[in-house]
Amino acid sequence: MKKTILALALAAATSTSFAANYVSFDVDQVKDTRNKSENTAQYFRAGKDMGGLNWDLQVRTAVFDSGGMLNSVEVTAGKNIAGVNAFGG
């Protein structure tokens, strides 16, 4: 929860949340193909075209059915090159 609040504060501070091209929130039931563990994943995504780049922010929180939690915050930047949007981050 702390990382989600941090990511939302980061988005607000950089004006991404106020001028975003898109904002989405998804909840998925995910099953690991390797060890068959299941978890509920929540995704918050926001994206903005700014300065000739496509900026994206993703916050993922996964709660495992067997116990435990995983959080991640990702920021990527992409550039459209010959019709292909190449991302790095």
PDB file of N, CA and C in Angstrom:
ATOM      1  N   MET A   1       0.815  -1.186   0.000  1.00  0.00           N
ATOM      2  CA  MET A   1       0.000   0.000   0.000  1.00  0.00           C
ATOM      3  C   MET A   1       0.864   1.258   0.000  1.00  0.00           C
ATOM      4  N   LYS A   2       1.969   1.222   0.733  1.00  0.00           N
ATOM      5  CA  LYS A   2       2.852   2.388   0.789  1.00  0.00           C
ATOM      6  C   LYS A   2       3.422   2.710  -0.586  1.00  0.00           C
ATOM      7  N   LYS A   3       3.796   1.661  -1.346  1.00  0.00           N
ATOM      8  CA  LYS A   3       4.373   1.898  -2.669  1.00  0.00           C
ATOM      9  C   LYS A   3       3.329   2.428  -3.642  1.00  0.00           C
ATOM     10  N   THR A   4       2.093   1.988  -3.490  1.00  0.00           N
ATOM     11  CA  THR A   4       1.032   2.508  -4.345  1.00  0.00           C
ATOM     12  C   THR A   4       0.821   3.991  -4.087  1.00  0.00           C
ATOM     13  N   ILE A   5       0.797   4.363  -2.813  1.00  0.00           N
ATOM     14  CA  ILE A   5       0.646   5.775  -2.458  1.00  0.00           C
ATOM     15  C   ILE A   5       1.836   6.576  -2.963  1.00  0.00           C
ATOM     16  N   LEU A   6       3.043   6.011  -2.841  1.00  0.00           N
ATOM     17  CA  LEU A   6       4.244   6.677  -3.341  1.00  0.00           C
ATOM     18  C   LEU A   6       4.159   6.887  -4.851  1.00  0.00           C
ATOM     19  N   ALA A   7       3.715   5.873  -5.577  1.00  0.00           N
ATOM     20  CA  ALA A   7       3.610   5.988  -7.033  1.00  0.00           C
ATOM     21  C   ALA A   7       2.557   7.017  -7.433  1.00  0.00           C
ATOM     22  N   LEU A   8       1.443   7.040  -6.718  1.00  0.00           N
ATOM     23  CA  LEU A   8       0.417   8.037  -7.014  1.00  0.00           C
ATOM     24  C   LEU A   8       0.920   9.445  -6.719  1.00  0.00           C
ATOM     25  N   ALA A   9       1.692   9.592  -5.639  1.00  0.00           N
ATOM     26  CA  ALA A   9       2.278  10.897  -5.318  1.00  0.00           C
ATOM     27  C   ALA A   9       3.285  11.309  -6.385  1.00  0.00           C
ATOM     28  N   LEU A  10       4.074  10.342  -6.869  1.00  0.00           N
ATOM     29  CA  LEU A  10       5.034  10.612  -7.940  1.00  0.00           C
ATOM     30  C   LEU A  10       4.306  11.058  -9.206  1.00  0.00           C
ATOM     31  N   ALA A  11       3.223  10.377  -9.529  1.00  0.00           N
ATOM     32  CA  ALA A  11       2.449  10.747 -10.715  1.00  0.00           C
ATOM     33  C   ALA A  11       1.857  12.139 -10.570  1.00  0.00           C
ATOM     34  N   ALA A  12       1.355  12.453  -9.391  1.00  0.00           N
ATOM     35  CA  ALA A  12       0.771  13.778  -9.161  1.00  0.00           C
ATOM     36  C   ALA A  12       1.841  14.864  -9.207  1.00  0.00           C
ATOM     37  N   ALA A  13       3.010  14.572  -8.655  1.00  0.00           N
ATOM     38  CA  ALA A  13       4.090  15.563  -8.622  1.00  0.00           C
ATOM     39  C   ALA A  13       4.616  15.878 -10.014  1.00  0.00           C
ATOM     40  N   THR A  14       4.582  14.903 -10.898  1.00  0.00           N
ATOM     41  CA  THR A  14       5.073  15.120 -12.259  1.00  0.00           C
ATOM     42  C   THR A  14       3.945  15.485 -13.219  1.00  0.00           C
ATOM     43  N   SER A  15       2.764  15.726 -12.688  1.00  0.00           N
ATOM     44  CA  SER A  15       1.567  16.108 -13.456  1.00  0.00           C
ATOM     45  C   SER A  15       1.105  15.022 -14.411  1.00  0.00           C
ATOM     46  N   THR A  16       1.611  13.812 -14.275  1.00  0.00           N
ATOM     47  CA  THR A  16       1.183  12.729 -15.150  1.00  0.00           C
ATOM     48  C   THR A  16      -0.284  12.399 -14.931  1.00  0.00           C
ATOM     49  N   SER A  17      -0.717  12.395 -13.677  1.00  0.00           N
ATOM     50  CA  SER A  17      -2.101  12.012 -13.408  1.00  0.00           C
ATOM     51  C   SER A  17      -3.093  13.076 -13.863  1.00  0.00           C
ATOM     52  N   PHE A  18      -2.671  14.330 -13.950  1.00  0.00           N
ATOM     53  CA  PHE A  18      -3.586  15.398 -14.322  1.00  0.00           C
ATOM     54  C   PHE A  18      -3.657  15.594 -15.829  1.00  0.00           C
ATOM     55  N   ALA A  19      -2.629  15.242 -16.553  1.00  0.00           N
ATOM     56  CA  ALA A  19      -2.599  15.459 -17.996  1.00  0.00           C
ATOM     57  C   ALA A  19      -2.304  14.162 -18.735  1.00  0.00           C
ATOM     58  N   ALA A  20      -2.711  13.053 -18.166  1.00  0.00           N
ATOM     59  CA  ALA A  20      -2.395  11.757 -18.754  1.00  0.00           C
ATOM     60  C   ALA A  20      -3.221  11.513 -20.006  1.00  0.00           C
ATOM     61  N   ASN A  21      -2.609  10.842 -20.970  1.00  0.00           N
ATOM     62  CA  ASN A  21      -3.348  10.393 -22.146  1.00  0.00           C
ATOM     63  C   ASN A  21      -4.260   9.237 -21.768  1.00  0.00           C
ATOM     64  N   TYR A  22      -3.828   8.424 -20.811  1.00  0.00           N
ATOM     65  CA  TYR A  22      -4.684   7.343 -20.319  1.00  0.00           C
ATOM     66  C   TYR A  22      -4.319   7.008 -18.877  1.00  0.00           C
ATOM     67  N   VAL A  23      -5.297   6.536 -18.152  1.00  0.00           N
ATOM     68  CA  VAL A  23      -5.121   6.013 -16.797  1.00  0.00           C
ATOM     69  C   VAL A  23      -5.999   4.780 -16.712  1.00  0.00           C
ATOM     70  N   SER A  24      -5.455   3.677 -16.177  1.00  0.00           N
ATOM     71  CA  SER A  24      -6.263   2.467 -16.047  1.00  0.00           C
ATOM     72  C   SER A  24      -5.950   1.752 -14.742  1.00  0.00           C
ATOM     73  N   PHE A  25      -6.918   0.988 -14.290  1.00  0.00           N
ATOM     74  CA  PHE A  25      -6.767   0.161 -13.099  1.00  0.00           C
ATOM     75  C   PHE A  25      -7.347  -1.198 -13.428  1.00  0.00           C
ATOM     76  N   ASP A  26      -6.565  -2.259 -13.244  1.00  0.00           N
ATOM     77  CA  ASP A  26      -6.998  -3.620 -13.556  1.00  0.00           C
ATOM     78  C   ASP A  26      -6.756  -4.517 -12.361  1.00  0.00           C
ATOM     79  N   VAL A  27      -7.618  -5.514 -12.209  1.00  0.00           N
ATOM     80  CA  VAL A  27      -7.430  -6.563 -11.213  1.00  0.00           C
ATOM     81  C   VAL A  27      -7.513  -7.884 -11.962  1.00  0.00           C
ATOM     82  N   ASP A  28      -6.476  -8.713 -11.830  1.00  0.00           N
ATOM     83  CA  ASP A  28      -6.407  -9.989 -12.535  1.00  0.00           C
ATOM     84  C   ASP A  28      -6.087 -11.114 -11.567  1.00  0.00           C
ATOM     85  N   GLN A  29      -6.602 -12.306 -11.877  1.00  0.00           N
ATOM     86  CA  GLN A  29      -6.209 -13.524 -11.170  1.00  0.00           C
ATOM     87  C   GLN A  29      -5.111 -14.163 -12.017  1.00  0.00           C
ATOM     88  N   VAL A  30      -3.906 -14.303 -11.468  1.00  0.00           N
ATOM     89  CA  VAL A  30      -2.735 -14.757 -12.216  1.00  0.00           C
ATOM     90  C   VAL A  30      -2.277 -16.102 -11.670  1.00  0.00           C
ATOM     91  N   LYS A  31      -1.922 -17.027 -12.578  1.00  0.00           N
ATOM     92  CA  LYS A  31      -1.405 -18.336 -12.180  1.00  0.00           C
ATOM     93  C   LYS A  31      -0.005 -18.494 -12.749  1.00  0.00           C
ATOM     94  N   ASP A  32       0.962 -18.778 -11.879  1.00  0.00           N
ATOM     95  CA  ASP A  32       2.350 -18.974 -12.288  1.00  0.00           C
ATOM     96  C   ASP A  32       2.459 -20.293 -13.042  1.00  0.00           C
ATOM     97  N   THR A  33       3.058 -20.283 -14.230  1.00  0.00           N
ATOM     98  CA  THR A  33       3.169 -21.506 -15.029  1.00  0.00           C
ATOM     99  C   THR A  33       4.231 -22.456 -14.500  1.00  0.00           C
ATOM    100  N   ARG A  34       5.201 -21.921 -13.747  1.00  0.00           N
ATOM    101  CA  ARG A  34       6.282 -22.764 -13.255  1.00  0.00           C
ATOM    102  C   ARG A  34       5.896 -23.539 -11.999  1.00  0.00           C
ATOM    103  N   ASN A  35       5.388 -22.847 -10.989  1.00  0.00           N
ATOM    104  CA  ASN A  35       5.098 -23.539  -9.727  1.00  0.00           C
ATOM    105  C   ASN A  35       3.601 -23.599  -9.419  1.00  0.00           C
ATOM    106  N   LYS A  36       2.757 -23.190 -10.342  1.00  0.00           N
ATOM    107  CA  LYS A  36       1.297 -23.277 -10.245  1.00  0.00           C
ATOM    108  C   LYS A  36       0.698 -22.460  -9.104  1.00  0.00           C
ATOM    109  N   SER A  37       1.456 -21.528  -8.527  1.00  0.00           N
ATOM    110  CA  SER A  37       0.902 -20.681  -7.471  1.00  0.00           C
ATOM    111  C   SER A  37      -0.027 -19.643  -8.095  1.00  0.00           C
ATOM    112  N   GLU A  38      -1.033 -19.238  -7.322  1.00  0.00           N
ATOM    113  CA  GLU A  38      -1.995 -18.259  -7.802  1.00  0.00           C
ATOM    114  C   GLU A  38      -1.904 -16.992  -6.975  1.00  0.00           C
ATOM    115  N   ASN A  39      -2.173 -15.858  -7.626  1.00  0.00           N
ATOM    116  CA  ASN A  39      -2.193 -14.588  -6.913  1.00  0.00           C
ATOM    117  C   ASN A  39      -3.173 -13.644  -7.580  1.00  0.00           C
ATOM    118  N   THR A  40      -3.568 -12.650  -6.826  1.00  0.00           N
ATOM    119  CA  THR A  40      -4.416 -11.587  -7.337  1.00  0.00           C
ATOM    120  C   THR A  40      -3.530 -10.376  -7.575  1.00  0.00           C
ATOM    121  N   ALA A  41      -3.486  -9.907  -8.799  1.00  0.00           N
ATOM    122  CA  ALA A  41      -2.620  -8.782  -9.158  1.00  0.00           C
ATOM    123  C   ALA A  41      -3.472  -7.552  -9.446  1.00  0.00           C
ATOM    124  N   GLN A  42      -3.047  -6.422  -8.885  1.00  0.00           N
ATOM    125  CA  GLN A  42      -3.696  -5.138  -9.139  1.00  0.00           C
ATOM    126  C   GLN A  42      -2.700  -4.263  -9.891  1.00  0.00           C
ATOM    127  N   TYR A  43      -3.146  -3.688 -10.992  1.00  0.00           N
ATOM    128  CA  TYR A  43      -2.291  -2.839 -11.814  1.00  0.00           C
ATOM    129  C   TYR A  43      -2.876  -1.434 -11.887  1.00  0.00           C
ATOM    130  N   PHE A  44      -2.039  -0.441 -11.675  1.00  0.00           N
ATOM    131  CA  PHE A  44      -2.390   0.956 -11.941  1.00  0.00           C
ATOM    132  C   PHE A  44      -1.435   1.425 -13.024  1.00  0.00           C
ATOM    133  N   ARG A  45      -1.982   1.923 -14.126  1.00  0.00           N
ATOM    134  CA  ARG A  45      -1.143   2.381 -15.237  1.00  0.00           C
ATOM    135  C   ARG A  45      -1.568   3.785 -15.652  1.00  0.00           C
ATOM    136  N   ALA A  46      -0.568   4.596 -15.977  1.00  0.00           N
ATOM    137  CA  ALA A  46      -0.821   5.937 -16.502  1.00  0.00           C
ATOM    138  C   ALA A  46       0.222   6.219 -17.574  1.00  0.00           C
ATOM    139  N   GLY A  47      -0.188   6.905 -18.628  1.00  0.00           N
ATOM    140  CA  GLY A  47       0.738   7.210 -19.715  1.00  0.00           C
ATOM    141  C   GLY A  47       0.514   8.600 -20.264  1.00  0.00           C
ATOM    142  N   LYS A  48       1.585   9.179 -20.786  1.00  0.00           N
ATOM    143  CA  LYS A  48       1.543  10.547 -21.302  1.00  0.00           C
ATOM    144  C   LYS A  48       2.549  10.697 -22.429  1.00  0.00           C
ATOM    145  N   ASP A  49       2.149  11.373 -23.510  1.00  0.00           N
ATOM    146  CA  ASP A  49       3.073  11.766 -24.575  1.00  0.00           C
ATOM    147  C   ASP A  49       3.609  13.145 -24.213  1.00  0.00           C
ATOM    148  N   MET A  50       4.929  13.236 -24.056  1.00  0.00           N
ATOM    149  CA  MET A  50       5.521  14.500 -23.625  1.00  0.00           C
ATOM    150  C   MET A  50       6.945  14.596 -24.151  1.00  0.00           C
ATOM    151  N   GLY A  51       7.278  15.699 -24.776  1.00  0.00           N
ATOM    152  CA  GLY A  51       8.634  15.920 -25.261  1.00  0.00           C
ATOM    153  C   GLY A  51       9.066  14.944 -26.336  1.00  0.00           C
ATOM    154  N   GLY A  52       8.118  14.462 -27.146  1.00  0.00           N
ATOM    155  CA  GLY A  52       8.453  13.516 -28.198  1.00  0.00           C
ATOM    156  C   GLY A  52       8.627  12.090 -27.712  1.00  0.00           C
ATOM    157  N   LEU A  53       8.389  11.840 -26.419  1.00  0.00           N
ATOM    158  CA  LEU A  53       8.504  10.501 -25.848  1.00  0.00           C
ATOM    159  C   LEU A  53       7.164  10.065 -25.269  1.00  0.00           C
ATOM    160  N   ASN A  54       6.961   8.762 -25.211  1.00  0.00           N
ATOM    161  CA  ASN A  54       5.783   8.180 -24.570  1.00  0.00           C
ATOM    162  C   ASN A  54       6.201   7.705 -23.181  1.00  0.00           C
ATOM    163  N   TRP A  55       5.704   8.363 -22.140  1.00  0.00           N
ATOM    164  CA  TRP A  55       6.055   8.031 -20.758  1.00  0.00           C
ATOM    165  C   TRP A  55       4.959   7.171 -20.151  1.00  0.00           C
ATOM    166  N   ASP A  56       5.353   6.098 -19.462  1.00  0.00           N
ATOM    167  CA  ASP A  56       4.393   5.211 -18.818  1.00  0.00           C
ATOM    168  C   ASP A  56       4.820   4.923 -17.388  1.00  0.00           C
ATOM    169  N   LEU A  57       3.837   4.849 -16.511  1.00  0.00           N
ATOM    170  CA  LEU A  57       4.036   4.500 -15.110  1.00  0.00           C
ATOM    171  C   LEU A  57       3.139   3.312 -14.811  1.00  0.00           C
ATOM    172  N   GLN A  58       3.698   2.266 -14.202  1.00  0.00           N
ATOM    173  CA  GLN A  58       2.907   1.100 -13.817  1.00  0.00           C
ATOM    174  C   GLN A  58       3.241   0.725 -12.387  1.00  0.00           C
ATOM    175  N   VAL A  59       2.206   0.517 -11.593  1.00  0.00           N
ATOM    176  CA  VAL A  59       2.354   0.039 -10.222  1.00  0.00           C
ATOM    177  C   VAL A  59       1.628  -1.291 -10.151  1.00  0.00           C
ATOM    178  N   ARG A  60       2.319  -2.339  -9.698  1.00  0.00           N
ATOM    179  CA  ARG A  60       1.725  -3.673  -9.610  1.00  0.00           C
ATOM    180  C   ARG A  60       1.838  -4.169  -8.182  1.00  0.00           C
ATOM    181  N   THR A  61       0.732  -4.667  -7.655  1.00  0.00           N
ATOM    182  CA  THR A  61       0.710  -5.297  -6.342  1.00  0.00           C
ATOM    183  C   THR A  61       0.101  -6.676  -6.511  1.00  0.00           C
ATOM    184  N   ALA A  62       0.825  -7.705  -6.109  1.00  0.00           N
ATOM    185  CA  ALA A  62       0.333  -9.077  -6.190  1.00  0.00           C
ATOM    186  C   ALA A  62       0.242  -9.650  -4.784  1.00  0.00           C
ATOM    187  N   VAL A  63      -0.907 -10.231  -4.467  1.00  0.00           N
ATOM    188  CA  VAL A  63      -1.116 -10.895  -3.182  1.00  0.00           C
ATOM    189  C   VAL A  63      -1.274 -12.377  -3.483  1.00  0.00           C
ATOM    190  N   PHE A  64      -0.341 -13.190  -2.981  1.00  0.00           N
ATOM    191  CA  PHE A  64      -0.343 -14.618  -3.249  1.00  0.00           C
ATOM    192  C   PHE A  64      -1.373 -15.323  -2.379  1.00  0.00           C
ATOM    193  N   ASP A  65      -2.098 -16.281  -2.969  1.00  0.00           N
ATOM    194  CA  ASP A  65      -3.119 -17.022  -2.232  1.00  0.00           C
ATOM    195  C   ASP A  65      -2.514 -17.815  -1.082  1.00  0.00           C
ATOM    196  N   SER A  66      -1.269 -18.260  -1.228  1.00  0.00           N
ATOM    197  CA  SER A  66      -0.608 -19.043  -0.177  1.00  0.00           C
ATOM    198  C   SER A  66       0.075 -18.152   0.855  1.00  0.00           C
ATOM    199  N   GLY A  67      -0.029 -16.831   0.695  1.00  0.00           N
ATOM    200  CA  GLY A  67       0.588 -15.885   1.626  1.00  0.00           C
ATOM    201  C   GLY A  67       1.731 -15.147   0.963  1.00  0.00           C
ATOM    202  N   GLY A  68       1.913 -13.912   1.313  1.00  0.00           N
ATOM    203  CA  GLY A  68       2.985 -13.095   0.766  1.00  0.00           C
ATOM    204  C   GLY A  68       2.467 -12.050  -0.202  1.00  0.00           C
ATOM    205  N   MET A  69       3.330 -11.081  -0.460  1.00  0.00           N
ATOM    206  CA  MET A  69       2.947  -9.962  -1.315  1.00  0.00           C
ATOM    207  C   MET A  69       4.147  -9.498  -2.126  1.00  0.00           C
ATOM    208  N   LEU A  70       3.888  -8.990  -3.311  1.00  0.00           N
ATOM    209  CA  LEU A  70       4.923  -8.473  -4.195  1.00  0.00           C
ATOM    210  C   LEU A  70       4.473  -7.108  -4.707  1.00  0.00           C
ATOM    211  N   ASN A  71       5.362  -6.121  -4.647  1.00  0.00           N
ATOM    212  CA  ASN A  71       5.074  -4.780  -5.164  1.00  0.00           C
ATOM    213  C   ASN A  71       6.146  -4.397  -6.170  1.00  0.00           C
ATOM    214  N   SER A  72       5.743  -3.693  -7.210  1.00  0.00           N
ATOM    215  CA  SER A  72       6.723  -3.163  -8.150  1.00  0.00           C
ATOM    216  C   SER A  72       6.225  -1.837  -8.711  1.00  0.00           C
ATOM    217  N   VAL A  73       7.171  -0.950  -8.982  1.00  0.00           N
ATOM    218  CA  VAL A  73       6.895   0.338  -9.612  1.00  0.00           C
ATOM    219  C   VAL A  73       7.809   0.434 -10.824  1.00  0.00           C
ATOM    220  N   GLU A  74       7.233   0.684 -11.991  1.00  0.00           N
ATOM    221  CA  GLU A  74       8.018   0.759 -13.218  1.00  0.00           C
ATOM    222  C   GLU A  74       7.720   2.066 -13.942  1.00  0.00           C
ATOM    223  N   VAL A  75       8.750   2.703 -14.427  1.00  0.00           N
ATOM    224  CA  VAL A  75       8.610   3.887 -15.271  1.00  0.00           C
ATOM    225  C   VAL A  75       9.366   3.595 -16.560  1.00  0.00           C
ATOM    226  N   THR A  76       8.696   3.765 -17.695  1.00  0.00           N
ATOM    227  CA  THR A  76       9.337   3.515 -18.983  1.00  0.00           C
ATOM    228  C   THR A  76       9.145   4.720 -19.894  1.00  0.00           C
ATOM    229  N   ALA A  77      10.041   4.848 -20.847  1.00  0.00           N
ATOM    230  CA  ALA A  77       9.947   5.886 -21.873  1.00  0.00           C
ATOM    231  C   ALA A  77      10.076   5.210 -23.229  1.00  0.00           C
ATOM    232  N   GLY A  78       9.241   5.618 -24.162  1.00  0.00           N
ATOM    233  CA  GLY A  78       9.270   5.021 -25.483  1.00  0.00           C
ATOM    234  C   GLY A  78       9.329   6.073 -26.574  1.00  0.00           C
ATOM    235  N   LYS A  79       9.811   5.661 -27.718  1.00  0.00           N
ATOM    236  CA  LYS A  79       9.928   6.550 -28.882  1.00  0.00           C
ATOM    237  C   LYS A  79       9.422   5.792 -30.098  1.00  0.00           C
ATOM    238  N   ASN A  80       8.580   6.440 -30.891  1.00  0.00           N
ATOM    239  CA  ASN A  80       8.060   5.830 -32.100  1.00  0.00           C
ATOM    240  C   ASN A  80       9.104   5.953 -33.201  1.00  0.00           C
ATOM    241  N   ILE A  81       9.625   4.813 -33.644  1.00  0.00           N
ATOM    242  CA  ILE A  81      10.654   4.766 -34.682  1.00  0.00           C
ATOM    243  C   ILE A  81      10.122   3.902 -35.825  1.00  0.00           C
ATOM    244  N   ALA A  82       9.855   4.521 -36.957  1.00  0.00           N
ATOM    245  CA  ALA A  82       9.377   3.821 -38.158  1.00  0.00           C
ATOM    246  C   ALA A  82       8.132   2.985 -37.867  1.00  0.00           C
ATOM    247  N   GLY A  83       7.202   3.535 -37.085  1.00  0.00           N
ATOM    248  CA  GLY A  83       5.955   2.842 -36.797  1.00  0.00           C
ATOM    249  C   GLY A  83       6.017   1.839 -35.667  1.00  0.00           C
ATOM    250  N   VAL A  84       7.188   1.660 -35.073  1.00  0.00           N
ATOM    251  CA  VAL A  84       7.351   0.738 -33.942  1.00  0.00           C
ATOM    252  C   VAL A  84       7.677   1.562 -32.709  1.00  0.00           C
ATOM    253  N   ASN A  85       6.937   1.329 -31.625  1.00  0.00           N
ATOM    254  CA  ASN A  85       7.160   2.075 -30.389  1.00  0.00           C
ATOM    255  C   ASN A  85       8.132   1.292 -29.513  1.00  0.00           C
ATOM    256  N   ALA A  86       9.395   1.723 -29.482  1.00  0.00           N
ATOM    257  CA  ALA A  86      10.433   1.043 -28.694  1.00  0.00           C
ATOM    258  C   ALA A  86      10.487   1.657 -27.296  1.00  0.00           C
ATOM    259  N   PHE A  87      10.406   0.804 -26.262  1.00  0.00           N
ATOM    260  CA  PHE A  87      10.402   1.263 -24.874  1.00  0.00           C
ATOM    261  C   PHE A  87      11.668   0.838 -24.154  1.00  0.00           C
ATOM    262  N   GLY A  88      12.056   1.623 -23.173  1.00  0.00           N
ATOM    263  CA  GLY A  88      13.170   1.283 -22.287  1.00  0.00           C
ATOM    264  C   GLY A  88      12.873   1.816 -20.904  1.00  0.00           C
ATOM    265  N   GLY A  89      13.345   1.116 -19.900  1.00  0.00           N
ATOM    266  CA  GLY A  89      13.118   1.605 -18.537  1.00  0.00           C
ATOM    267  C   GLY A  89      13.057   0.507 -17.542  1.00  0.00           C
TER     268      GLY A  89
END
